[in-house]
N, C-alpha and C. Protein backbone atom coordinates (compact mmCIF):
# COMPACT_ATOMS: atom_id res chain seq x y z
N MET A 1 5.53 -0.57 2.42
CA MET A 1 5.41 -0.57 3.88
C MET A 1 4.37 -1.39 4.40
N SER A 2 4.42 -2.62 3.46
CA SER A 2 3.05 -3.45 3.96
C SER A 2 3.66 -4.85 3.36
N ILE A 3 3.15 -6.08 4.01
CA ILE A 3 3.35 -7.17 3.31
C ILE A 3 1.86 -7.75 2.71
N TRP A 4 1.89 -8.08 1.28
CA TRP A 4 0.35 -8.64 0.96
C TRP A 4 0.34 -9.97 0.47
N CYS A 5 -0.72 -10.36 0.39
CA CYS A 5 -0.86 -11.63 -0.09
C CYS A 5 -2.19 -11.82 -1.20
N ALA A 6 -2.72 -12.56 -2.05
CA ALA A 6 -3.39 -12.46 -3.18
C ALA A 6 -4.66 -12.21 -2.93
N LEU A 7 -5.06 -12.75 -1.64
CA LEU A 7 -6.56 -12.49 -1.35
C LEU A 7 -6.86 -11.78 -0.15
N LEU A 8 -5.85 -11.60 0.81
CA LEU A 8 -6.51 -10.99 1.88
C LEU A 8 -5.15 -10.00 2.33
N LEU A 9 -4.92 -9.01 3.19
CA LEU A 9 -3.89 -8.37 3.43
C LEU A 9 -4.27 -7.63 4.78
N THR A 10 -2.79 -7.61 5.42
CA THR A 10 -2.82 -7.01 6.59
C THR A 10 -1.60 -6.15 6.53
N VAL A 11 -1.26 -5.02 7.30
CA VAL A 11 -0.15 -4.10 7.33
C VAL A 11 -0.53 -3.89 8.67
N ASN A 12 1.31 -3.75 9.12
CA ASN A 12 1.51 -2.96 10.49
C ASN A 12 2.82 -2.45 10.28
N ILE A 13 3.11 -1.39 9.76
CA ILE A 13 3.90 -0.71 9.33
C ILE A 13 4.99 -0.15 10.46
N LEU A 14 4.07 -0.26 11.55
CA LEU A 14 5.20 0.55 12.80
C LEU A 14 5.94 -0.19 14.08
N THR A 15 5.59 -1.47 13.34
CA THR A 15 6.54 -2.67 14.15
C THR A 15 7.23 -3.25 13.64
N PRO A 16 8.43 -4.03 14.24
CA PRO A 16 9.42 -4.79 13.28
C PRO A 16 8.50 -5.94 12.81
N GLU A 17 7.07 -6.69 13.22
CA GLU A 17 6.43 -7.76 12.67
C GLU A 17 5.92 -7.23 11.33
N VAL A 18 5.71 -7.93 10.48
CA VAL A 18 4.54 -7.42 9.39
C VAL A 18 4.20 -8.87 8.90
N ASN A 19 2.81 -9.19 8.94
CA ASN A 19 2.46 -10.52 8.70
C ASN A 19 1.06 -10.59 7.93
N ALA A 20 1.14 -11.23 6.53
CA ALA A 20 0.03 -11.52 6.06
C ALA A 20 -0.86 -12.88 6.26
N TYR A 21 -1.88 -12.74 6.62
CA TYR A 21 -2.98 -14.21 6.58
C TYR A 21 -3.93 -14.32 5.42
N SER A 22 -4.24 -15.55 5.36
CA SER A 22 -5.43 -15.51 4.69
C SER A 22 -6.22 -16.71 5.44
N GLU A 23 -7.50 -17.33 4.85
CA GLU A 23 -8.10 -18.42 5.68
C GLU A 23 -7.76 -19.40 4.38
N ASN A 24 -7.88 -18.89 3.35
CA ASN A 24 -8.00 -20.21 2.12
C ASN A 24 -6.97 -20.22 1.43
N THR A 25 -5.93 -19.82 1.68
CA THR A 25 -4.67 -19.85 0.82
C THR A 25 -3.39 -19.84 1.42
N ALA A 26 -2.34 -20.51 0.94
CA ALA A 26 -0.86 -20.57 1.40
C ALA A 26 -0.39 -19.10 1.42
N LEU A 27 0.28 -18.53 2.41
CA LEU A 27 0.70 -17.18 2.50
C LEU A 27 2.40 -17.03 2.88
N TYR A 28 2.68 -15.90 2.41
CA TYR A 28 3.66 -15.34 2.89
C TYR A 28 3.79 -14.85 4.36
N LEU A 29 4.83 -15.31 5.12
CA LEU A 29 4.72 -14.55 6.26
C LEU A 29 5.89 -14.21 6.54
N PHE A 30 6.42 -12.62 6.86
CA PHE A 30 7.55 -12.06 6.85
C PHE A 30 7.89 -11.54 8.39
N ALA A 31 8.43 -11.80 8.85
CA ALA A 31 8.80 -11.03 10.25
C ALA A 31 9.96 -10.19 10.38
N GLU A 32 10.16 -9.59 11.11
CA GLU A 32 11.08 -8.50 11.56
C GLU A 32 11.92 -8.15 10.32
N GLN A 33 10.76 -7.31 9.49
CA GLN A 33 11.35 -6.58 8.30
C GLN A 33 11.60 -5.55 8.64
N ASP A 34 12.41 -4.59 8.45
CA ASP A 34 12.06 -3.22 8.46
C ASP A 34 11.73 -2.21 7.54
N GLU A 35 11.07 -1.01 7.26
CA GLU A 35 10.08 -0.61 6.29
C GLU A 35 11.17 -0.84 5.10
N GLU A 36 12.14 -0.15 4.89
CA GLU A 36 12.79 0.04 3.60
C GLU A 36 13.06 -1.59 2.99
N SER A 37 13.13 -2.68 3.73
CA SER A 37 13.29 -3.95 3.20
C SER A 37 11.42 -4.45 2.44
N VAL A 38 10.49 -3.85 3.55
CA VAL A 38 9.29 -4.02 3.37
C VAL A 38 8.87 -3.40 2.19
N GLU A 39 9.59 -2.36 1.71
CA GLU A 39 9.09 -1.59 0.52
C GLU A 39 9.32 -2.03 -0.43
N ASP A 40 10.85 -2.52 -0.53
CA ASP A 40 11.64 -3.18 -1.71
C ASP A 40 10.88 -4.52 -1.90
N LEU A 41 10.08 -5.29 -1.00
CA LEU A 41 9.39 -6.48 -1.18
C LEU A 41 8.13 -6.20 -2.11
N LEU A 42 7.42 -5.00 -1.62
CA LEU A 42 6.57 -4.42 -2.44
C LEU A 42 6.72 -4.38 -3.75
N GLN A 43 8.04 -3.85 -4.11
CA GLN A 43 8.15 -3.16 -5.04
C GLN A 43 8.51 -4.57 -6.02
N GLN A 44 8.95 -5.79 -5.60
CA GLN A 44 9.27 -6.95 -6.42
C GLN A 44 8.48 -7.00 -7.79
N GLU A 45 8.62 -7.41 -8.95
CA GLU A 45 7.58 -7.63 -9.87
C GLU A 45 6.86 -9.08 -9.84
N SER A 46 7.68 -9.83 -8.71
CA SER A 46 6.75 -11.32 -8.59
C SER A 46 5.23 -10.94 -7.80
N MET A 47 5.59 -9.81 -6.74
CA MET A 47 4.28 -9.38 -5.77
C MET A 47 3.36 -8.62 -6.49
N LYS A 48 3.93 -7.66 -7.26
CA LYS A 48 3.20 -6.29 -8.02
C LYS A 48 2.09 -7.14 -8.61
N PRO A 49 1.96 -7.98 -9.30
CA PRO A 49 0.60 -8.41 -9.82
C PRO A 49 -0.32 -9.25 -9.18
N HIS A 50 0.08 -9.62 -8.14
CA HIS A 50 -0.87 -10.24 -7.17
C HIS A 50 -1.30 -8.97 -6.07
N ILE A 51 -0.66 -8.34 -5.99
CA ILE A 51 -1.16 -6.95 -5.03
C ILE A 51 -2.38 -6.10 -5.97
N ASP A 52 -2.00 -5.89 -7.35
CA ASP A 52 -2.94 -4.90 -8.28
C ASP A 52 -4.26 -5.64 -8.24
N TYR A 53 -3.72 -7.00 -8.70
CA TYR A 53 -5.26 -7.76 -8.84
C TYR A 53 -6.04 -7.98 -7.58
N TYR A 54 -5.51 -8.18 -6.52
CA TYR A 54 -6.31 -7.87 -5.14
C TYR A 54 -7.04 -7.09 -5.11
N PHE A 55 -6.65 -5.87 -5.34
CA PHE A 55 -7.43 -4.44 -5.19
C PHE A 55 -8.37 -4.45 -6.11
N GLU A 56 -7.90 -4.67 -7.57
CA GLU A 56 -8.74 -4.66 -8.44
C GLU A 56 -9.90 -5.45 -8.46
N LEU A 57 -10.10 -6.48 -7.66
CA LEU A 57 -11.38 -7.37 -7.38
C LEU A 57 -12.04 -7.05 -6.18
N LEU A 58 -11.30 -6.39 -5.21
CA LEU A 58 -11.85 -5.45 -4.16
C LEU A 58 -12.86 -4.59 -4.51
N ILE A 59 -12.08 -3.77 -5.34
CA ILE A 59 -12.68 -2.55 -5.83
C ILE A 59 -13.88 -2.90 -6.88
N SER A 60 -13.37 -3.57 -7.54
CA SER A 60 -14.86 -3.88 -8.73
C SER A 60 -16.09 -4.51 -7.87
N LYS A 61 -15.64 -5.32 -7.19
CA LYS A 61 -17.07 -5.81 -6.19
C LYS A 61 -17.80 -5.01 -5.25
N HIS A 62 -16.79 -4.04 -4.54
CA HIS A 62 -17.23 -3.38 -3.51
C HIS A 62 -17.12 -2.01 -3.77
N ARG A 63 -16.56 -1.25 -4.97
CA ARG A 63 -16.51 0.20 -4.90
C ARG A 63 -16.52 0.54 -6.76
N PRO A 64 -17.09 -0.23 -7.28
CA PRO A 64 -16.78 -0.19 -9.02
C PRO A 64 -16.85 1.05 -9.72
N ASP A 65 -17.36 2.32 -8.61
CA ASP A 65 -17.35 3.71 -9.19
C ASP A 65 -16.16 4.39 -9.12
N LEU A 66 -14.90 3.70 -7.90
CA LEU A 66 -13.84 3.84 -7.80
C LEU A 66 -12.78 3.41 -8.38
N LEU A 67 -12.78 2.16 -9.53
CA LEU A 67 -11.88 1.61 -10.20
C LEU A 67 -11.29 2.62 -11.06
N GLU A 68 -11.46 3.33 -11.74
CA GLU A 68 -10.81 4.16 -12.63
C GLU A 68 -10.03 5.09 -11.94
N GLU A 69 -9.91 5.46 -10.87
CA GLU A 69 -9.71 6.46 -9.83
C GLU A 69 -8.64 5.85 -9.54
N TRP A 70 -8.99 4.61 -8.55
CA TRP A 70 -7.47 3.82 -8.05
C TRP A 70 -6.51 3.58 -9.15
N LEU A 71 -7.03 3.12 -10.36
CA LEU A 71 -6.05 2.66 -11.46
C LEU A 71 -5.05 3.87 -11.77
N GLU A 72 -5.66 5.56 -11.96
CA GLU A 72 -5.04 6.53 -12.45
C GLU A 72 -3.73 6.61 -11.07
N VAL A 73 -4.10 6.39 -9.69
CA VAL A 73 -3.51 7.00 -8.51
C VAL A 73 -2.41 5.68 -8.63
N GLU A 74 -2.89 4.14 -8.94
CA GLU A 74 -1.88 3.36 -9.02
C GLU A 74 -0.52 3.60 -10.15
N ARG A 75 -1.16 4.22 -11.14
CA ARG A 75 -0.48 4.64 -12.53
C ARG A 75 0.53 5.57 -12.26
N ASP A 76 0.22 6.73 -11.48
CA ASP A 76 0.80 8.05 -11.09
C ASP A 76 1.81 7.06 -10.02
N ARG A 77 1.89 6.21 -9.01
CA ARG A 77 2.75 5.70 -7.93
C ARG A 77 3.62 5.00 -8.85
N GLU A 78 3.49 4.20 -9.92
CA GLU A 78 4.51 3.75 -10.35
C GLU A 78 5.37 4.84 -11.22
N ALA A 79 4.74 5.72 -11.95
CA ALA A 79 5.46 7.01 -12.32
C ALA A 79 6.42 7.36 -11.57
N ILE A 80 6.07 7.97 -10.28
CA ILE A 80 6.83 8.14 -9.32
C ILE A 80 7.90 7.24 -8.76
N TYR A 81 7.73 6.41 -8.66
CA TYR A 81 8.53 4.94 -8.37
C TYR A 81 9.69 5.08 -9.06
N LYS A 82 9.40 5.36 -10.27
CA LYS A 82 10.39 5.05 -11.47
C LYS A 82 11.26 6.36 -11.44
N LYS A 83 10.77 7.08 -11.41
CA LYS A 83 11.41 8.67 -10.77
C LYS A 83 12.55 8.67 -9.75
N ILE A 84 12.20 7.78 -8.63
CA ILE A 84 12.73 8.15 -7.42
C ILE A 84 13.91 7.01 -7.43
N LYS A 85 13.78 5.72 -8.01
CA LYS A 85 14.42 4.75 -8.21
C LYS A 85 15.84 5.00 -8.92
N ALA A 86 15.49 6.27 -9.75
CA ALA A 86 16.87 6.77 -11.08
C ALA A 86 17.56 7.55 -9.96
N TYR A 87 17.38 7.93 -8.86
CA TYR A 87 18.35 9.00 -7.56
C TYR A 87 19.52 8.08 -7.39
N SER A 88 20.24 8.58 -6.65
CA SER A 88 20.96 7.43 -6.14
C SER A 88 20.57 6.76 -4.54
N ASN A 89 21.40 5.77 -4.34
CA ASN A 89 20.37 5.35 -3.22
C ASN A 89 20.24 6.36 -1.74
N ASP A 90 21.27 7.14 -1.83
CA ASP A 90 20.86 8.15 -0.32
C ASP A 90 19.78 8.88 -0.58
N GLU A 91 19.65 9.46 -1.68
CA GLU A 91 18.35 10.29 -1.92
C GLU A 91 17.41 9.74 -2.39
N TYR A 92 17.10 8.20 -2.37
CA TYR A 92 16.05 7.24 -2.62
C TYR A 92 15.55 7.33 -1.46
N GLU A 93 16.33 6.68 -0.44
CA GLU A 93 15.73 6.90 0.91
C GLU A 93 15.69 7.95 1.99
N LYS A 94 16.43 9.08 1.29
CA LYS A 94 16.01 10.46 1.81
C LYS A 94 14.68 10.84 1.77
N ILE A 95 14.24 10.44 0.45
CA ILE A 95 12.92 10.49 -0.22
C ILE A 95 11.87 9.84 0.60
N LEU A 96 12.24 8.52 0.87
CA LEU A 96 11.20 7.96 1.44
C LEU A 96 11.15 8.30 2.93
N LYS A 97 12.12 8.40 3.77
CA LYS A 97 12.13 8.86 5.14
C LYS A 97 11.55 10.26 5.35
N SER A 98 11.47 10.85 4.03
CA SER A 98 10.81 12.56 4.21
C SER A 98 9.51 12.33 4.21
N ILE A 99 8.91 11.26 4.12
CA ILE A 99 7.14 11.01 4.07
C ILE A 99 6.90 11.39 5.63
N SER A 100 5.57 12.23 5.84
CA SER A 100 5.40 12.39 7.15
C SER A 100 4.97 11.02 8.12
N ASN A 101 5.49 11.08 9.06
CA ASN A 101 5.26 9.94 10.20
C ASN A 101 3.49 9.73 10.15
N GLU A 102 2.52 10.85 10.30
CA GLU A 102 1.19 11.23 10.27
C GLU A 102 0.75 10.22 8.88
N TRP A 103 1.30 10.19 7.60
CA TRP A 103 1.00 9.42 6.97
C TRP A 103 1.03 8.11 7.01
N TYR A 104 1.92 7.73 7.26
CA TYR A 104 2.33 6.11 7.80
C TYR A 104 1.38 5.76 8.99
N GLU A 105 1.29 6.48 9.59
CA GLU A 105 0.05 6.10 10.80
C GLU A 105 -1.03 5.55 10.54
N ASN A 106 -1.66 6.83 9.33
CA ASN A 106 -2.46 6.67 8.90
C ASN A 106 -3.18 5.66 8.12
N HIS A 107 -2.06 5.37 7.11
CA HIS A 107 -1.66 4.30 6.62
C HIS A 107 -1.86 3.14 6.81
N ALA A 108 -1.16 2.83 8.11
CA ALA A 108 -1.19 1.65 9.09
C ALA A 108 -2.60 1.44 9.23
N LYS A 109 -3.55 2.28 9.85
CA LYS A 109 -4.76 2.19 10.49
C LYS A 109 -5.78 2.05 9.70
N MET A 110 -5.55 2.44 8.23
CA MET A 110 -6.73 2.01 7.34
C MET A 110 -6.40 0.76 6.80
N HIS A 111 -5.34 0.29 6.62
CA HIS A 111 -4.93 -1.14 6.54
C HIS A 111 -5.57 -2.09 7.54
N GLU A 112 -5.50 -1.86 8.68
CA GLU A 112 -6.12 -2.55 9.89
C GLU A 112 -7.38 -2.31 9.97
N ARG A 113 -8.51 -1.45 9.42
CA ARG A 113 -9.45 -1.26 9.17
C ARG A 113 -9.94 -2.50 7.97
N LEU A 114 -9.51 -2.17 7.06
CA LEU A 114 -9.81 -3.11 5.63
C LEU A 114 -9.88 -4.45 6.13
N LEU A 115 -8.48 -4.56 7.04
CA LEU A 115 -8.38 -6.36 7.18
C LEU A 115 -9.71 -6.59 8.35
N ALA A 116 -9.66 -5.91 9.18
CA ALA A 116 -10.85 -6.03 10.05
C ALA A 116 -12.19 -5.93 9.25
N ALA A 117 -12.65 -5.02 7.75
CA ALA A 117 -13.90 -5.38 7.57
C ALA A 117 -13.80 -6.61 6.69
N VAL A 118 -12.62 -7.05 6.29
CA VAL A 118 -12.48 -7.86 5.18
C VAL A 118 -12.78 -9.32 5.87
N LYS A 119 -12.41 -9.32 6.96
CA LYS A 119 -12.34 -10.66 7.90
C LYS A 119 -13.88 -10.87 8.64
N GLU A 120 -14.43 -9.61 8.51
CA GLU A 120 -15.89 -9.54 8.93
C GLU A 120 -16.95 -10.13 7.73
N ARG A 121 -16.27 -9.79 6.77
CA ARG A 121 -17.42 -9.60 5.21
C ARG A 121 -18.45 -8.51 5.30
N ASN A 122 -17.61 -7.25 5.90
CA ASN A 122 -18.53 -6.25 6.13
C ASN A 122 -18.31 -5.12 5.01
N ASN A 123 -19.68 -5.22 4.03
CA ASN A 123 -19.49 -4.77 2.84
C ASN A 123 -19.23 -3.15 3.02
N GLU A 124 -19.96 -2.82 3.88
CA GLU A 124 -20.15 -1.38 4.02
C GLU A 124 -18.46 -0.51 4.46
N LYS A 125 -18.01 -1.40 5.61
CA LYS A 125 -16.51 -0.99 5.78
C LYS A 125 -15.58 -0.96 4.94
N ILE A 126 -15.87 -2.09 4.42
CA ILE A 126 -14.70 -2.50 3.12
C ILE A 126 -15.04 -1.58 1.75
N LYS A 127 -16.01 -0.77 1.41
CA LYS A 127 -16.50 0.34 0.88
C LYS A 127 -15.61 1.48 1.36
N LEU A 128 -16.14 1.65 2.52
CA LEU A 128 -15.45 3.20 3.55
C LEU A 128 -13.84 2.90 3.34
N SER A 129 -13.23 1.64 3.92
CA SER A 129 -11.76 1.90 3.62
C SER A 129 -11.21 1.77 2.49
N LEU A 130 -11.92 1.53 1.33
CA LEU A 130 -11.16 1.59 0.06
C LEU A 130 -11.00 3.05 -0.55
N GLY A 131 -11.99 3.68 -0.21
CA GLY A 131 -12.20 5.18 -0.48
C GLY A 131 -11.21 5.64 0.43
N HIS A 132 -10.97 5.38 1.44
CA HIS A 132 -9.85 5.93 2.58
C HIS A 132 -8.89 5.99 2.05
N LEU A 133 -8.63 4.62 1.67
CA LEU A 133 -7.16 4.09 0.86
C LEU A 133 -7.07 4.85 -0.13
N CYS A 134 -7.76 4.84 -1.03
CA CYS A 134 -7.18 5.43 -2.41
C CYS A 134 -7.10 6.66 -2.14
N SER A 135 -7.92 7.43 -1.25
CA SER A 135 -7.35 8.90 -0.96
C SER A 135 -6.09 9.08 -0.17
N LEU A 136 -5.53 8.13 0.87
CA LEU A 136 -3.95 8.05 1.17
C LEU A 136 -3.00 7.91 0.34
N LYS A 137 -3.43 6.88 -1.03
CA LYS A 137 -2.22 6.86 -1.70
C LYS A 137 -2.34 7.69 -2.76
N LYS A 138 -3.40 8.85 -2.94
CA LYS A 138 -3.40 10.07 -3.46
C LYS A 138 -2.23 11.23 -2.77
N THR A 139 -2.81 11.16 -1.24
CA THR A 139 -1.76 11.90 -0.72
C THR A 139 -0.40 11.77 -0.56
N TRP A 140 0.07 10.58 -0.73
CA TRP A 140 1.45 9.84 -0.54
C TRP A 140 1.80 10.29 -1.91
N ASN A 141 1.29 10.26 -3.04
CA ASN A 141 1.67 10.50 -4.40
C ASN A 141 2.17 11.95 -4.32
N GLU A 142 0.89 13.17 -3.90
CA GLU A 142 1.26 14.52 -3.87
C GLU A 142 2.65 14.63 -2.83
N GLU A 143 2.45 14.06 -1.74
CA GLU A 143 3.56 14.34 -0.82
C GLU A 143 5.14 14.17 -1.59
N VAL A 144 5.32 12.88 -1.86
CA VAL A 144 6.45 12.46 -2.82
C VAL A 144 6.77 13.55 -3.85
N LYS A 145 5.84 13.84 -4.75
CA LYS A 145 5.82 14.95 -5.59
C LYS A 145 6.62 16.11 -5.19
N THR A 146 5.84 16.64 -4.00
CA THR A 146 6.80 17.82 -3.26
C THR A 146 7.98 17.71 -2.80
N ILE A 147 8.14 16.63 -2.18
CA ILE A 147 9.53 16.29 -1.96
C ILE A 147 10.58 16.08 -3.13
N ILE A 148 10.16 15.50 -3.77
CA ILE A 148 10.95 15.42 -5.28
C ILE A 148 11.20 17.09 -5.89
N LYS A 149 10.67 17.41 -6.18
CA LYS A 149 10.67 19.26 -6.23
C LYS A 149 11.70 19.85 -5.37
N GLU A 150 11.75 19.50 -3.99
CA GLU A 150 12.31 20.22 -2.96
C GLU A 150 13.76 19.55 -3.17
N LEU A 151 14.26 18.88 -3.36
CA LEU A 151 15.60 18.40 -3.88
C LEU A 151 16.39 18.90 -4.49
């Protein structure tokens, strides 16, 4: 639902343009991606280690108390993705499209807040954003588990 870079991220899943920026590194810039292709990009093995490491570094610095919970939520998410990828393409798409629009909107807002906090180097806002993002990831996990049970 977003495009990431190793050092800084921004997400805007509600528009056709999703861009990643960083002041100090060469970045990937993706435009006119639909949600499904963006999601597929995030699941590519080449990007996943960068995304994971970026968040582990952010959390280690700003919310070390959250690191174990974050890692558990990510492990759960990976297990869910493995499970839904075993479904047919139609079922896979149905599952992803069944996730509430409210979740997508909240997720986009949270990433925008995190981006602003990182750009400002505002430690308090970063801490708050990381906690909210972890809660949103848990919500996604639970929502998708419910959707899978209903199939």
